[in-house]
Every structure is written in structure tokens, then in C-alpha cells.
PDB file of N, CA and C in Angstrom:
ATOM      1  N   MET A   1       1.573  -3.458   3.045  1.00  0.00           N
ATOM      2  CA  MET A   1       0.984  -3.991   1.854  1.00  0.00           C
ATOM      3  C   MET A   1       2.070  -4.687   1.056  1.00  0.00           C
ATOM      4  N   THR A   2       1.756  -5.879   0.611  1.00  0.00           N
ATOM      5  CA  THR A   2       2.751  -6.644  -0.158  1.00  0.00           C
ATOM      6  C   THR A   2       2.675  -6.278  -1.655  1.00  0.00           C
ATOM      7  N   GLN A   3       3.696  -6.654  -2.361  1.00  0.00           N
ATOM      8  CA  GLN A   3       3.738  -6.375  -3.792  1.00  0.00           C
ATOM      9  C   GLN A   3       2.558  -7.062  -4.492  1.00  0.00           C
ATOM     10  N   ASP A   4       2.260  -8.280  -4.107  1.00  0.00           N
ATOM     11  CA  ASP A   4       1.088  -8.980  -4.700  1.00  0.00           C
ATOM     12  C   ASP A   4      -0.220  -8.256  -4.451  1.00  0.00           C
ATOM     13  N   GLU A   5      -0.393  -7.702  -3.280  1.00  0.00           N
ATOM     14  CA  GLU A   5      -1.607  -6.932  -2.973  1.00  0.00           C
ATOM     15  C   GLU A   5      -1.688  -5.680  -3.818  1.00  0.00           C
ATOM     16  N   ILE A   6      -0.559  -5.030  -4.018  1.00  0.00           N
ATOM     17  CA  ILE A   6      -0.532  -3.792  -4.834  1.00  0.00           C
ATOM     18  C   ILE A   6      -0.869  -4.147  -6.289  1.00  0.00           C
ATOM     19  N   ILE A   7      -0.308  -5.213  -6.792  1.00  0.00           N
ATOM     20  CA  ILE A   7      -0.547  -5.603  -8.193  1.00  0.00           C
ATOM     21  C   ILE A   7      -2.034  -5.995  -8.324  1.00  0.00           C
ATOM     22  N   GLU A   8      -2.596  -6.676  -7.353  1.00  0.00           N
ATOM     23  CA  GLU A   8      -4.001  -7.042  -7.422  1.00  0.00           C
ATOM     24  C   GLU A   8      -4.897  -5.817  -7.395  1.00  0.00           C
ATOM     25  N   MET A   9      -4.578  -4.811  -6.583  1.00  0.00           N
ATOM     26  CA  MET A   9      -5.330  -3.565  -6.588  1.00  0.00           C
ATOM     27  C   MET A   9      -5.205  -2.837  -7.891  1.00  0.00           C
ATOM     28  N   ALA A  10      -4.025  -2.891  -8.508  1.00  0.00           N
ATOM     29  CA  ALA A  10      -3.865  -2.265  -9.825  1.00  0.00           C
ATOM     30  C   ALA A  10      -4.738  -2.930 -10.860  1.00  0.00           C
ATOM     31  N   ARG A  11      -4.779  -4.231 -10.843  1.00  0.00           N
ATOM     32  CA  ARG A  11      -5.651  -4.979 -11.774  1.00  0.00           C
ATOM     33  C   ARG A  11      -7.136  -4.664 -11.530  1.00  0.00           C
ATOM     34  N   GLN A  12      -7.516  -4.588 -10.246  1.00  0.00           N
ATOM     35  CA  GLN A  12      -8.925  -4.297  -9.927  1.00  0.00           C
ATOM     36  C   GLN A  12      -9.360  -2.946 -10.455  1.00  0.00           C
ATOM     37  N   THR A  13      -8.424  -2.010 -10.519  1.00  0.00           N
ATOM     38  CA  THR A  13      -8.779  -0.650 -10.911  1.00  0.00           C
ATOM     39  C   THR A  13      -8.555  -0.356 -12.386  1.00  0.00           C
ATOM     40  N   GLY A  14      -8.203  -1.362 -13.155  1.00  0.00           N
ATOM     41  CA  GLY A  14      -8.163  -1.203 -14.603  1.00  0.00           C
ATOM     42  C   GLY A  14      -6.801  -1.205 -15.244  1.00  0.00           C
ATOM     43  N   PHE A  15      -5.768  -1.345 -14.485  1.00  0.00           N
ATOM     44  CA  PHE A  15      -4.404  -1.465 -15.066  1.00  0.00           C
ATOM     45  C   PHE A  15      -4.344  -2.658 -15.964  1.00  0.00           C
ATOM     46  N   VAL A  16      -3.686  -2.550 -17.055  1.00  0.00           N
ATOM     47  CA  VAL A  16      -3.539  -3.678 -17.991  1.00  0.00           C
ATOM     48  C   VAL A  16      -2.066  -4.126 -17.990  1.00  0.00           C
ATOM     49  N   GLU A  17      -1.894  -5.409 -17.794  1.00  0.00           N
ATOM     50  CA  GLU A  17      -0.490  -5.961 -17.764  1.00  0.00           C
ATOM     51  C   GLU A  17      -0.050  -6.317 -19.143  1.00  0.00           C
ATOM     52  N   LYS A  18       1.094  -5.863 -19.502  1.00  0.00           N
ATOM     53  CA  LYS A  18       1.695  -6.187 -20.806  1.00  0.00           C
ATOM     54  C   LYS A  18       3.103  -6.760 -20.548  1.00  0.00           C
ATOM     55  N   ASP A  19       3.520  -7.621 -21.467  1.00  0.00           N
ATOM     56  CA  ASP A  19       4.850  -8.164 -21.389  1.00  0.00           C
ATOM     57  C   ASP A  19       5.790  -7.306 -22.221  1.00  0.00           C
ATOM     58  N   ALA A  20       6.868  -6.818 -21.614  1.00  0.00           N
ATOM     59  CA  ALA A  20       7.840  -5.988 -22.301  1.00  0.00           C
ATOM     60  C   ALA A  20       9.208  -6.567 -22.055  1.00  0.00           C
ATOM     61  N   MET A  21       9.710  -7.269 -23.033  1.00  0.00           N
ATOM     62  CA  MET A  21      11.068  -7.853 -22.927  1.00  0.00           C
ATOM     63  C   MET A  21      11.196  -8.735 -21.648  1.00  0.00           C
ATOM     64  N   PHE A  22      10.225  -9.607 -21.432  1.00  0.00           N
ATOM     65  CA  PHE A  22      10.248 -10.557 -20.331  1.00  0.00           C
ATOM     66  C   PHE A  22       9.999  -9.900 -18.962  1.00  0.00           C
ATOM     67  N   ARG A  23       9.449  -8.687 -18.971  1.00  0.00           N
ATOM     68  CA  ARG A  23       9.079  -8.014 -17.711  1.00  0.00           C
ATOM     69  C   ARG A  23       7.669  -7.500 -17.845  1.00  0.00           C
ATOM     70  N   SER A  24       6.974  -7.506 -16.736  1.00  0.00           N
ATOM     71  CA  SER A  24       5.591  -6.991 -16.766  1.00  0.00           C
ATOM     72  C   SER A  24       5.610  -5.494 -16.676  1.00  0.00           C
ATOM     73  N   VAL A  25       4.777  -4.896 -17.523  1.00  0.00           N
ATOM     74  CA  VAL A  25       4.614  -3.447 -17.526  1.00  0.00           C
ATOM     75  C   VAL A  25       3.080  -3.248 -17.381  1.00  0.00           C
ATOM     76  N   TYR A  26       2.686  -2.283 -16.567  1.00  0.00           N
ATOM     77  CA  TYR A  26       1.270  -2.047 -16.320  1.00  0.00           C
ATOM     78  C   TYR A  26       0.913  -0.697 -16.964  1.00  0.00           C
ATOM     79  N   LEU A  27      -0.138  -0.716 -17.787  1.00  0.00           N
ATOM     80  CA  LEU A  27      -0.638   0.486 -18.463  1.00  0.00           C
ATOM     81  C   LEU A  27      -1.913   0.950 -17.833  1.00  0.00           C
ATOM     82  N   ALA A  28      -2.049   2.258 -17.636  1.00  0.00           N
ATOM     83  CA  ALA A  28      -3.220   2.792 -17.009  1.00  0.00           C
ATOM     84  C   ALA A  28      -3.481   4.195 -17.563  1.00  0.00           C
ATOM     85  N   ASN A  29      -4.742   4.609 -17.531  1.00  0.00           N
ATOM     86  CA  ASN A  29      -5.069   5.985 -17.847  1.00  0.00           C
ATOM     87  C   ASN A  29      -5.312   6.759 -16.524  1.00  0.00           C
ATOM     88  N   ILE A  30      -5.587   8.018 -16.613  1.00  0.00           N
ATOM     89  CA  ILE A  30      -5.732   8.836 -15.420  1.00  0.00           C
ATOM     90  C   ILE A  30      -6.882   8.377 -14.537  1.00  0.00           C
ATOM     91  N   LYS A  31      -7.943   7.878 -15.129  1.00  0.00           N
ATOM     92  CA  LYS A  31      -9.104   7.373 -14.385  1.00  0.00           C
ATOM     93  C   LYS A  31      -8.670   6.134 -13.559  1.00  0.00           C
ATOM     94  N   ASP A  32      -7.897   5.251 -14.177  1.00  0.00           N
ATOM     95  CA  ASP A  32      -7.376   4.059 -13.506  1.00  0.00           C
ATOM     96  C   ASP A  32      -6.467   4.469 -12.318  1.00  0.00           C
ATOM     97  N   LEU A  33      -5.611   5.478 -12.569  1.00  0.00           N
ATOM     98  CA  LEU A  33      -4.697   5.937 -11.496  1.00  0.00           C
ATOM     99  C   LEU A  33      -5.473   6.533 -10.347  1.00  0.00           C
ATOM    100  N   GLU A  34      -6.522   7.321 -10.642  1.00  0.00           N
ATOM    101  CA  GLU A  34      -7.321   7.898  -9.571  1.00  0.00           C
ATOM    102  C   GLU A  34      -8.027   6.797  -8.754  1.00  0.00           C
ATOM    103  N   ALA A  35      -8.580   5.781  -9.460  1.00  0.00           N
ATOM    104  CA  ALA A  35      -9.220   4.681  -8.754  1.00  0.00           C
ATOM    105  C   ALA A  35      -8.232   3.912  -7.914  1.00  0.00           C
ATOM    106  N   PHE A  36      -7.035   3.741  -8.426  1.00  0.00           N
ATOM    107  CA  PHE A  36      -5.974   3.010  -7.704  1.00  0.00           C
ATOM    108  C   PHE A  36      -5.596   3.798  -6.459  1.00  0.00           C
ATOM    109  N   ALA A  37      -5.405   5.100  -6.575  1.00  0.00           N
ATOM    110  CA  ALA A  37      -5.051   5.917  -5.429  1.00  0.00           C
ATOM    111  C   ALA A  37      -6.124   5.908  -4.378  1.00  0.00           C
ATOM    112  N   LYS A  38      -7.371   5.893  -4.789  1.00  0.00           N
ATOM    113  CA  LYS A  38      -8.485   5.838  -3.839  1.00  0.00           C
ATOM    114  C   LYS A  38      -8.500   4.512  -3.113  1.00  0.00           C
ATOM    115  N   LEU A  39      -8.268   3.396  -3.841  1.00  0.00           N
ATOM    116  CA  LEU A  39      -8.256   2.097  -3.201  1.00  0.00           C
ATOM    117  C   LEU A  39      -7.069   1.991  -2.216  1.00  0.00           C
ATOM    118  N   VAL A  40      -5.937   2.472  -2.580  1.00  0.00           N
ATOM    119  CA  VAL A  40      -4.767   2.433  -1.676  1.00  0.00           C
ATOM    120  C   VAL A  40      -5.085   3.219  -0.425  1.00  0.00           C
ATOM    121  N   ALA A  41      -5.631   4.402  -0.568  1.00  0.00           N
ATOM    122  CA  ALA A  41      -5.938   5.246   0.595  1.00  0.00           C
ATOM    123  C   ALA A  41      -6.960   4.550   1.496  1.00  0.00           C
ATOM    124  N   GLU A  42      -7.961   3.902   0.911  1.00  0.00           N
ATOM    125  CA  GLU A  42      -8.929   3.157   1.746  1.00  0.00           C
ATOM    126  C   GLU A  42      -8.271   2.029   2.539  1.00  0.00           C
ATOM    127  N   ARG A  43      -7.381   1.297   1.884  1.00  0.00           N
ATOM    128  CA  ARG A  43      -6.670   0.200   2.571  1.00  0.00           C
ATOM    129  C   ARG A  43      -5.789   0.747   3.674  1.00  0.00           C
ATOM    130  N   GLU A  44      -5.099   1.856   3.415  1.00  0.00           N
ATOM    131  CA  GLU A  44      -4.259   2.474   4.452  1.00  0.00           C
ATOM    132  C   GLU A  44      -5.050   2.972   5.624  1.00  0.00           C
ATOM    133  N   ARG A  45      -6.190   3.582   5.354  1.00  0.00           N
ATOM    134  CA  ARG A  45      -7.036   4.086   6.444  1.00  0.00           C
ATOM    135  C   ARG A  45      -7.516   2.943   7.272  1.00  0.00           C
ATOM    136  N   GLU A  46      -7.933   1.849   6.636  1.00  0.00           N
ATOM    137  CA  GLU A  46      -8.388   0.667   7.402  1.00  0.00           C
ATOM    138  C   GLU A  46      -7.280   0.056   8.231  1.00  0.00           C
ATOM    139  N   ALA A  47      -6.064   0.057   7.663  1.00  0.00           N
ATOM    140  CA  ALA A  47      -4.906  -0.483   8.425  1.00  0.00           C
ATOM    141  C   ALA A  47      -4.656   0.386   9.641  1.00  0.00           C
ATOM    142  N   CYS A  48      -4.774   1.697   9.515  1.00  0.00           N
ATOM    143  CA  CYS A  48      -4.586   2.591  10.665  1.00  0.00           C
ATOM    144  C   CYS A  48      -5.675   2.373  11.710  1.00  0.00           C
ATOM    145  N   ALA A  49      -6.917   2.246  11.230  1.00  0.00           N
ATOM    146  CA  ALA A  49      -8.041   1.980  12.154  1.00  0.00           C
ATOM    147  C   ALA A  49      -7.860   0.671  12.901  1.00  0.00           C
ATOM    148  N   ALA A  50      -7.357  -0.353  12.198  1.00  0.00           N
ATOM    149  CA  ALA A  50      -7.131  -1.647  12.823  1.00  0.00           C
ATOM    150  C   ALA A  50      -6.061  -1.548  13.898  1.00  0.00           C
ATOM    151  N   ILE A  51      -5.019  -0.761  13.655  1.00  0.00           N
ATOM    152  CA  ILE A  51      -4.017  -0.557  14.724  1.00  0.00           C
ATOM    153  C   ILE A  51      -4.644   0.117  15.927  1.00  0.00           C
ATOM    154  N   CYS A  52      -5.495   1.107  15.699  1.00  0.00           N
ATOM    155  CA  CYS A  52      -6.172   1.761  16.835  1.00  0.00           C
ATOM    156  C   CYS A  52      -7.053   0.779  17.592  1.00  0.00           C
ATOM    157  N   ASP A  53      -7.731  -0.108  16.843  1.00  0.00           N
ATOM    158  CA  ASP A  53      -8.523  -1.155  17.496  1.00  0.00           C
ATOM    159  C   ASP A  53      -7.690  -2.035  18.421  1.00  0.00           C
ATOM    160  N   GLU A  54      -6.500  -2.416  17.918  1.00  0.00           N
ATOM    161  CA  GLU A  54      -5.611  -3.268  18.726  1.00  0.00           C
ATOM    162  C   GLU A  54      -5.152  -2.513  19.975  1.00  0.00           C
ATOM    163  N   LEU A  55      -4.807  -1.255  19.793  1.00  0.00           N
ATOM    164  CA  LEU A  55      -4.359  -0.444  20.955  1.00  0.00           C
ATOM    165  C   LEU A  55      -5.492  -0.285  21.977  1.00  0.00           C
ATOM    166  N   HIS A  56      -6.727  -0.126  21.485  1.00  0.00           N
ATOM    167  CA  HIS A  56      -7.851  -0.016  22.332  1.00  0.00           C
ATOM    168  C   HIS A  56      -8.070  -1.297  23.140  1.00  0.00           C
ATOM    169  N   GLU A  57      -7.964  -2.412  22.476  1.00  0.00           N
ATOM    170  CA  GLU A  57      -8.170  -3.723  23.165  1.00  0.00           C
ATOM    171  C   GLU A  57      -7.132  -3.886  24.272  1.00  0.00           C
ATOM    172  N   ALA A  58      -5.913  -3.401  24.063  1.00  0.00           N
ATOM    173  CA  ALA A  58      -4.855  -3.496  25.065  1.00  0.00           C
ATOM    174  C   ALA A  58      -5.109  -2.612  26.264  1.00  0.00           C
ATOM    175  N   ARG A  59      -5.965  -1.614  26.107  1.00  0.00           N
ATOM    176  CA  ARG A  59      -6.197  -0.644  27.197  1.00  0.00           C
ATOM    177  C   ARG A  59      -7.627  -0.697  27.707  1.00  0.00           C
ATOM    178  N   VAL A  60      -8.326  -1.801  27.522  1.00  0.00           N
ATOM    179  CA  VAL A  60      -9.723  -1.931  27.978  1.00  0.00           C
ATOM    180  C   VAL A  60      -9.834  -1.518  29.452  1.00  0.00           C
ATOM    181  N   GLY A  61     -10.744  -0.720  29.748  1.00  0.00           N
ATOM    182  CA  GLY A  61     -10.989  -0.260  31.095  1.00  0.00           C
ATOM    183  C   GLY A  61     -10.216   0.977  31.483  1.00  0.00           C
ATOM    184  N   LYS A  62      -9.321   1.423  30.643  1.00  0.00           N
ATOM    185  CA  LYS A  62      -8.484   2.582  30.989  1.00  0.00           C
ATOM    186  C   LYS A  62      -8.971   3.852  30.315  1.00  0.00           C
ATOM    187  N   ASP A  63      -9.212   3.808  29.007  1.00  0.00           N
ATOM    188  CA  ASP A  63      -9.695   4.959  28.293  1.00  0.00           C
ATOM    189  C   ASP A  63     -10.232   4.466  26.945  1.00  0.00           C
ATOM    190  N   ASN A  64     -10.847   5.361  26.178  1.00  0.00           N
ATOM    191  CA  ASN A  64     -11.366   4.942  24.887  1.00  0.00           C
ATOM    192  C   ASN A  64     -10.806   5.800  23.735  1.00  0.00           C
ATOM    193  N   TYR A  65      -9.625   6.415  23.971  1.00  0.00           N
ATOM    194  CA  TYR A  65      -9.086   7.301  22.950  1.00  0.00           C
ATOM    195  C   TYR A  65      -8.818   6.569  21.609  1.00  0.00           C
ATOM    196  N   PHE A  66      -8.300   5.331  21.702  1.00  0.00           N
ATOM    197  CA  PHE A  66      -7.987   4.622  20.493  1.00  0.00           C
ATOM    198  C   PHE A  66      -9.272   4.196  19.736  1.00  0.00           C
ATOM    199  N   ALA A  67     -10.327   3.830  20.503  1.00  0.00           N
ATOM    200  CA  ALA A  67     -11.588   3.487  19.854  1.00  0.00           C
ATOM    201  C   ALA A  67     -12.163   4.700  19.173  1.00  0.00           C
ATOM    202  N   PHE A  68     -12.048   5.845  19.809  1.00  0.00           N
ATOM    203  CA  PHE A  68     -12.512   7.086  19.202  1.00  0.00           C
ATOM    204  C   PHE A  68     -11.764   7.359  17.899  1.00  0.00           C
ATOM    205  N   ALA A  69     -10.453   7.173  17.900  1.00  0.00           N
ATOM    206  CA  ALA A  69      -9.620   7.412  16.728  1.00  0.00           C
ATOM    207  C   ALA A  69      -9.988   6.426  15.620  1.00  0.00           C
ATOM    208  N   ALA A  70     -10.189   5.182  15.947  1.00  0.00           N
ATOM    209  CA  ALA A  70     -10.564   4.180  14.950  1.00  0.00           C
ATOM    210  C   ALA A  70     -11.893   4.554  14.299  1.00  0.00           C
ATOM    211  N   ASN A  71     -12.845   4.963  15.112  1.00  0.00           N
ATOM    212  CA  ASN A  71     -14.154   5.353  14.585  1.00  0.00           C
ATOM    213  C   ASN A  71     -14.029   6.625  13.684  1.00  0.00           C
ATOM    214  N   ALA A  72     -13.213   7.541  14.120  1.00  0.00           N
ATOM    215  CA  ALA A  72     -13.030   8.772  13.338  1.00  0.00           C
ATOM    216  C   ALA A  72     -12.388   8.467  11.949  1.00  0.00           C
ATOM    217  N   ILE A  73     -11.418   7.546  11.975  1.00  0.00           N
ATOM    218  CA  ILE A  73     -10.798   7.177  10.692  1.00  0.00           C
ATOM    219  C   ILE A  73     -11.826   6.506   9.791  1.00  0.00           C
ATOM    220  N   ARG A  74     -12.630   5.607  10.338  1.00  0.00           N
ATOM    221  CA  ARG A  74     -13.643   4.949   9.502  1.00  0.00           C
ATOM    222  C   ARG A  74     -14.724   5.887   8.991  1.00  0.00           C
ATOM    223  N   GLU A  75     -15.035   6.910   9.786  1.00  0.00           N
ATOM    224  CA  GLU A  75     -15.988   7.928   9.332  1.00  0.00           C
ATOM    225  C   GLU A  75     -15.478   8.703   8.143  1.00  0.00           C
ATOM    226  N   LEU A  76     -14.188   8.939   8.104  1.00  0.00           N
ATOM    227  CA  LEU A  76     -13.582   9.596   6.964  1.00  0.00           C
ATOM    228  C   LEU A  76     -13.850   8.781   5.674  1.00  0.00           C
ATOM    229  N   ARG A  77     -13.730   7.503   5.782  1.00  0.00           N
ATOM    230  CA  ARG A  77     -13.956   6.610   4.650  1.00  0.00           C
ATOM    231  C   ARG A  77     -15.387   6.683   4.194  1.00  0.00           C
ATOM    232  N   ALA A  78     -16.309   6.720   5.163  1.00  0.00           N
ATOM    233  CA  ALA A  78     -17.712   6.747   4.860  1.00  0.00           C
ATOM    234  C   ALA A  78     -18.146   8.044   4.121  1.00  0.00           C
ATOM    235  N   LYS A  79     -17.442   9.145   4.405  1.00  0.00           N
ATOM    236  CA  LYS A  79     -17.784  10.433   3.831  1.00  0.00           C
ATOM    237  C   LYS A  79     -17.331  10.571   2.401  1.00  0.00           C
ATOM    238  N   LYS A  80     -16.377   9.731   1.943  1.00  0.00           N
ATOM    239  CA  LYS A  80     -15.784   9.909   0.618  1.00  0.00           C
ATOM    240  C   LYS A  80     -16.563   9.144  -0.413  1.00  0.00           C
TER     241      LYS A  80
END
């Protein structure tokens, strides 16, 4: 995840950007922090599932362990 992506997720979840002595400072309450943590976790799970998808594609015809793992990771997201 890039710094720009992290900043964008912070803004999406309610962080407020303030200028403090020519530097950006982000203010958030506990609800904003919880939403941010949830969004980061979702992105990380999807990144892991995507890696499993790539590994599965590389092993087509051999086994489906990586496809099973990708599906299991995505099911975790659906349950939350």
C-alpha cells in the first residue's frame, strides 16, 4: 500500500487534515480509527487473496489449494 492510498483511506473514514507548521496533521476520533483499521484489514485480505489467485493460475491443472485459500480469505471478509 502506498502512502497516497493510506492517506486516501484515512480521508474516506473521517480523518480531518489540518495544517500544522507547514506539515499535514490528521485528526480522528476512535470511531474514525476503527473504520480506518477495518478498511486497512479489508484491503490487506484482498491483497492476500489476489496473491493466492495468482499462485493458483500458475498451478492450473495441478491442485486447487491456492484457490481454496483465496476463497476462504474472501469468506472472512463476507462474514464481517
